[in-house]
Amino acid sequence: MNFGAGVMASKHFGFGGEFSFKPGKTDYAGLQYRPFFYDFNAIVHPVTSKRIVPEIQAGLGGMNMKFYYSQQQCTVVGCSNQSSFVQSANHLQLHAGVGVDFFVTNNVYVRPQFDIRYVHNLTDQFNSNWVPQYGVMVGYRFGD
């Protein structure tokens, strides 16, 4: 899930920021984890038109990874799940993304986007420093 905003200083160049997170926990090696990403980006619109605008983003930020231990306890009455926080790890990350804005009205657009993140020292917890992300965003543009 992503939340972000951008400001275009000209028709072709701007800056922005994003916050991305996984809404739920995921199992990994007997633990559960939940990543949070934030980044600050330069934005480039190489070509602009009224209905289709390609966008390139590049920037840097950070990642926070939280780990949890989950267990189930059962009694005569029933079972309950309990999740306990184990640790948190912070990492520096580089971000790059490409997408295309398809305007459905003058201000509302839909953007399929692919992002790639290089997270420094993520191999301490996982097998790779690379984190791919893809999705479709719905956005609103203020002004021209």
C-alpha atoms as a PDB file:
ATOM      1  CA  MET A   1       0.000   0.000   0.000  1.00  0.00           C
ATOM      2  CA  ASN A   2       1.385   3.411  -0.981  1.00  0.00           C
ATOM      3  CA  PHE A   3       0.743   7.016  -0.113  1.00  0.00           C
ATOM      4  CA  GLY A   4       2.624   9.739  -1.926  1.00  0.00           C
ATOM      5  CA  ALA A   5       2.652  13.248  -3.269  1.00  0.00           C
ATOM      6  CA  GLY A   6       4.652  15.185  -5.814  1.00  0.00           C
ATOM      7  CA  VAL A   7       5.146  18.788  -6.821  1.00  0.00           C
ATOM      8  CA  MET A   8       6.227  19.655 -10.338  1.00  0.00           C
ATOM      9  CA  ALA A   9       8.522  22.704 -10.418  1.00  0.00           C
ATOM     10  CA  SER A  10       8.157  22.782 -14.233  1.00  0.00           C
ATOM     11  CA  LYS A  11       6.307  20.692 -16.831  1.00  0.00           C
ATOM     12  CA  HIS A  12       9.136  18.131 -16.836  1.00  0.00           C
ATOM     13  CA  PHE A  13      10.868  18.218 -13.415  1.00  0.00           C
ATOM     14  CA  GLY A  14       9.673  17.969  -9.837  1.00  0.00           C
ATOM     15  CA  PHE A  15      10.106  16.259  -6.495  1.00  0.00           C
ATOM     16  CA  GLY A  16       8.013  14.107  -4.231  1.00  0.00           C
ATOM     17  CA  GLY A  17       7.833  11.546  -1.484  1.00  0.00           C
ATOM     18  CA  GLU A  18       6.263   8.166  -0.821  1.00  0.00           C
ATOM     19  CA  PHE A  19       5.409   5.981   2.128  1.00  0.00           C
ATOM     20  CA  SER A  20       4.867   2.276   1.357  1.00  0.00           C
ATOM     21  CA  PHE A  21       3.943  -0.479   3.748  1.00  0.00           C
ATOM     22  CA  LYS A  22       2.559  -3.981   3.863  1.00  0.00           C
ATOM     23  CA  PRO A  23      -0.908  -3.809   5.487  1.00  0.00           C
ATOM     24  CA  GLY A  24      -0.502  -7.210   7.172  1.00  0.00           C
ATOM     25  CA  LYS A  25       2.266  -9.402   8.518  1.00  0.00           C
ATOM     26  CA  THR A  26       3.905 -12.115   6.388  1.00  0.00           C
ATOM     27  CA  ASP A  27       5.504 -15.382   7.567  1.00  0.00           C
ATOM     28  CA  TYR A  28       9.244 -15.880   7.091  1.00  0.00           C
ATOM     29  CA  ALA A  29      11.551 -18.437   8.763  1.00  0.00           C
ATOM     30  CA  GLY A  30       9.316 -19.005  11.788  1.00  0.00           C
ATOM     31  CA  LEU A  31       8.721 -15.299  12.354  1.00  0.00           C
ATOM     32  CA  GLN A  32       6.355 -12.723  10.926  1.00  0.00           C
ATOM     33  CA  TYR A  33       7.595  -9.463   9.412  1.00  0.00           C
ATOM     34  CA  ARG A  34       6.171  -6.185   8.207  1.00  0.00           C
ATOM     35  CA  PRO A  35       8.225  -3.713   6.115  1.00  0.00           C
ATOM     36  CA  PHE A  36       7.800   0.071   5.954  1.00  0.00           C
ATOM     37  CA  PHE A  37       9.494   2.129   3.201  1.00  0.00           C
ATOM     38  CA  TYR A  38       9.796   5.900   2.830  1.00  0.00           C
ATOM     39  CA  ASP A  39      11.639   7.848   0.177  1.00  0.00           C
ATOM     40  CA  PHE A  40      12.175  11.293  -1.290  1.00  0.00           C
ATOM     41  CA  ASN A  41      12.386  11.394  -5.088  1.00  0.00           C
ATOM     42  CA  ALA A  42      13.223  13.515  -8.085  1.00  0.00           C
ATOM     43  CA  ILE A  43      10.417  13.217 -10.664  1.00  0.00           C
ATOM     44  CA  VAL A  44      10.816  13.509 -14.431  1.00  0.00           C
ATOM     45  CA  HIS A  45       8.016  13.691 -17.008  1.00  0.00           C
ATOM     46  CA  PRO A  46      10.014  13.219 -20.246  1.00  0.00           C
ATOM     47  CA  VAL A  47       6.930  13.810 -22.427  1.00  0.00           C
ATOM     48  CA  THR A  48       3.684  15.500 -21.458  1.00  0.00           C
ATOM     49  CA  SER A  49       0.285  15.372 -23.103  1.00  0.00           C
ATOM     50  CA  LYS A  50      -3.271  15.934 -21.926  1.00  0.00           C
ATOM     51  CA  ARG A  51      -4.131  12.243 -21.428  1.00  0.00           C
ATOM     52  CA  ILE A  52      -0.889  10.209 -21.151  1.00  0.00           C
ATOM     53  CA  VAL A  53       2.141  11.219 -19.062  1.00  0.00           C
ATOM     54  CA  PRO A  54       5.103   8.874 -18.456  1.00  0.00           C
ATOM     55  CA  GLU A  55       6.838   9.348 -15.095  1.00  0.00           C
ATOM     56  CA  ILE A  56      10.319   8.402 -13.883  1.00  0.00           C
ATOM     57  CA  GLN A  57      11.239   8.627 -10.198  1.00  0.00           C
ATOM     58  CA  ALA A  58      14.590   8.219  -8.435  1.00  0.00           C
ATOM     59  CA  GLY A  59      15.559   8.955  -4.874  1.00  0.00           C
ATOM     60  CA  LEU A  60      16.614   7.717  -1.499  1.00  0.00           C
ATOM     61  CA  GLY A  61      15.072   7.002   1.837  1.00  0.00           C
ATOM     62  CA  GLY A  62      14.845   4.339   4.478  1.00  0.00           C
ATOM     63  CA  MET A  63      13.259   1.039   5.354  1.00  0.00           C
ATOM     64  CA  ASN A  64      12.071  -0.172   8.729  1.00  0.00           C
ATOM     65  CA  MET A  65      11.473  -3.892   9.134  1.00  0.00           C
ATOM     66  CA  LYS A  66       9.575  -5.118  12.201  1.00  0.00           C
ATOM     67  CA  PHE A  67       9.694  -8.779  13.268  1.00  0.00           C
ATOM     68  CA  TYR A  68       7.070 -10.567  15.363  1.00  0.00           C
ATOM     69  CA  TYR A  69       6.732 -14.001  16.948  1.00  0.00           C
ATOM     70  CA  SER A  70       3.258 -15.517  16.761  1.00  0.00           C
ATOM     71  CA  GLN A  71       1.931 -18.406  18.813  1.00  0.00           C
ATOM     72  CA  GLN A  72      -1.407 -20.066  19.450  1.00  0.00           C
ATOM     73  CA  GLN A  73      -2.657 -20.984  22.905  1.00  0.00           C
ATOM     74  CA  CYS A  74      -5.559 -23.387  23.388  1.00  0.00           C
ATOM     75  CA  THR A  75      -7.597 -24.106  26.505  1.00  0.00           C
ATOM     76  CA  VAL A  76     -10.869 -25.879  27.177  1.00  0.00           C
ATOM     77  CA  VAL A  77     -12.720 -22.655  26.262  1.00  0.00           C
ATOM     78  CA  GLY A  78     -11.030 -22.225  22.873  1.00  0.00           C
ATOM     79  CA  CYS A  79      -7.893 -21.048  21.104  1.00  0.00           C
ATOM     80  CA  SER A  80      -6.343 -17.596  20.803  1.00  0.00           C
ATOM     81  CA  ASN A  81      -3.470 -16.212  18.733  1.00  0.00           C
ATOM     82  CA  GLN A  82      -0.849 -13.979  20.299  1.00  0.00           C
ATOM     83  CA  SER A  83       1.737 -11.903  18.424  1.00  0.00           C
ATOM     84  CA  SER A  84       4.786 -10.475  20.223  1.00  0.00           C
ATOM     85  CA  PHE A  85       7.178  -7.848  18.848  1.00  0.00           C
ATOM     86  CA  VAL A  86      10.725  -9.264  18.552  1.00  0.00           C
ATOM     87  CA  GLN A  87      12.906  -6.574  16.964  1.00  0.00           C
ATOM     88  CA  SER A  88      13.083  -3.758  14.451  1.00  0.00           C
ATOM     89  CA  ALA A  89      15.784  -3.106  11.837  1.00  0.00           C
ATOM     90  CA  ASN A  90      16.424   0.150   9.942  1.00  0.00           C
ATOM     91  CA  HIS A  91      18.132   0.282   6.552  1.00  0.00           C
ATOM     92  CA  LEU A  92      19.097   2.943   3.981  1.00  0.00           C
ATOM     93  CA  GLN A  93      17.419   2.377   0.604  1.00  0.00           C
ATOM     94  CA  LEU A  94      17.658   3.697  -2.954  1.00  0.00           C
ATOM     95  CA  HIS A  95      14.466   3.869  -5.003  1.00  0.00           C
ATOM     96  CA  ALA A  96      13.670   3.983  -8.710  1.00  0.00           C
ATOM     97  CA  GLY A  97      10.251   3.796 -10.344  1.00  0.00           C
ATOM     98  CA  VAL A  98       8.619   4.082 -13.753  1.00  0.00           C
ATOM     99  CA  GLY A  99       4.954   4.470 -14.542  1.00  0.00           C
ATOM    100  CA  VAL A 100       2.492   5.998 -16.962  1.00  0.00           C
ATOM    101  CA  ASP A 101      -0.364   8.295 -15.921  1.00  0.00           C
ATOM    102  CA  PHE A 102      -3.553   7.681 -17.924  1.00  0.00           C
ATOM    103  CA  PHE A 103      -5.951  10.562 -17.273  1.00  0.00           C
ATOM    104  CA  VAL A 104      -9.591   9.512 -17.101  1.00  0.00           C
ATOM    105  CA  THR A 105     -10.680  13.124 -16.462  1.00  0.00           C
ATOM    106  CA  ASN A 106      -8.698  16.384 -16.562  1.00  0.00           C
ATOM    107  CA  ASN A 107      -7.443  15.741 -13.011  1.00  0.00           C
ATOM    108  CA  VAL A 108      -8.000  12.043 -12.112  1.00  0.00           C
ATOM    109  CA  TYR A 109      -5.501   9.485 -13.386  1.00  0.00           C
ATOM    110  CA  VAL A 110      -4.664   5.798 -13.130  1.00  0.00           C
ATOM    111  CA  ARG A 111      -0.961   4.851 -13.063  1.00  0.00           C
ATOM    112  CA  PRO A 112       0.435   1.356 -13.470  1.00  0.00           C
ATOM    113  CA  GLN A 113       3.910   1.550 -11.917  1.00  0.00           C
ATOM    114  CA  PHE A 114       6.961  -0.625 -11.304  1.00  0.00           C
ATOM    115  CA  ASP A 115       9.397   0.223  -8.506  1.00  0.00           C
ATOM    116  CA  ILE A 116      12.720  -1.285  -7.535  1.00  0.00           C
ATOM    117  CA  ARG A 117      14.483  -0.639  -4.246  1.00  0.00           C
ATOM    118  CA  TYR A 118      18.046  -1.409  -3.261  1.00  0.00           C
ATOM    119  CA  VAL A 119      18.075  -1.813   0.525  1.00  0.00           C
ATOM    120  CA  HIS A 120      21.544  -1.664   2.101  1.00  0.00           C
ATOM    121  CA  ASN A 121      22.325  -4.735   4.255  1.00  0.00           C
ATOM    122  CA  LEU A 122      18.929  -6.373   3.734  1.00  0.00           C
ATOM    123  CA  THR A 123      20.835  -9.632   3.184  1.00  0.00           C
ATOM    124  CA  ASP A 124      21.277  -9.655   6.982  1.00  0.00           C
ATOM    125  CA  GLN A 125      17.603 -10.733   7.156  1.00  0.00           C
ATOM    126  CA  PHE A 126      16.804 -11.943   3.602  1.00  0.00           C
ATOM    127  CA  ASN A 127      18.632 -13.409   0.591  1.00  0.00           C
ATOM    128  CA  SER A 128      18.785 -10.216  -1.490  1.00  0.00           C
ATOM    129  CA  ASN A 129      19.162  -6.456  -1.179  1.00  0.00           C
ATOM    130  CA  TRP A 130      16.674  -5.904  -4.047  1.00  0.00           C
ATOM    131  CA  VAL A 131      12.959  -5.357  -3.367  1.00  0.00           C
ATOM    132  CA  PRO A 132      10.661  -5.138  -6.429  1.00  0.00           C
ATOM    133  CA  GLN A 133       7.210  -3.579  -6.165  1.00  0.00           C
ATOM    134  CA  TYR A 134       4.441  -3.125  -8.713  1.00  0.00           C
ATOM    135  CA  GLY A 135       0.912  -1.860  -8.586  1.00  0.00           C
ATOM    136  CA  VAL A 136      -1.749   0.438  -9.937  1.00  0.00           C
ATOM    137  CA  MET A 137      -2.321   3.826  -8.351  1.00  0.00           C
ATOM    138  CA  VAL A 138      -5.235   6.214  -8.533  1.00  0.00           C
ATOM    139  CA  GLY A 139      -4.277   9.864  -8.242  1.00  0.00           C
ATOM    140  CA  TYR A 140      -5.513  13.424  -8.476  1.00  0.00           C
ATOM    141  CA  ARG A 141      -3.637  16.326 -10.078  1.00  0.00           C
ATOM    142  CA  PHE A 142      -4.147  19.861  -8.825  1.00  0.00           C
ATOM    143  CA  GLY A 143      -3.626  22.544 -11.494  1.00  0.00           C
ATOM    144  CA  ASP A 144      -2.101  21.927 -14.936  1.00  0.00           C
END
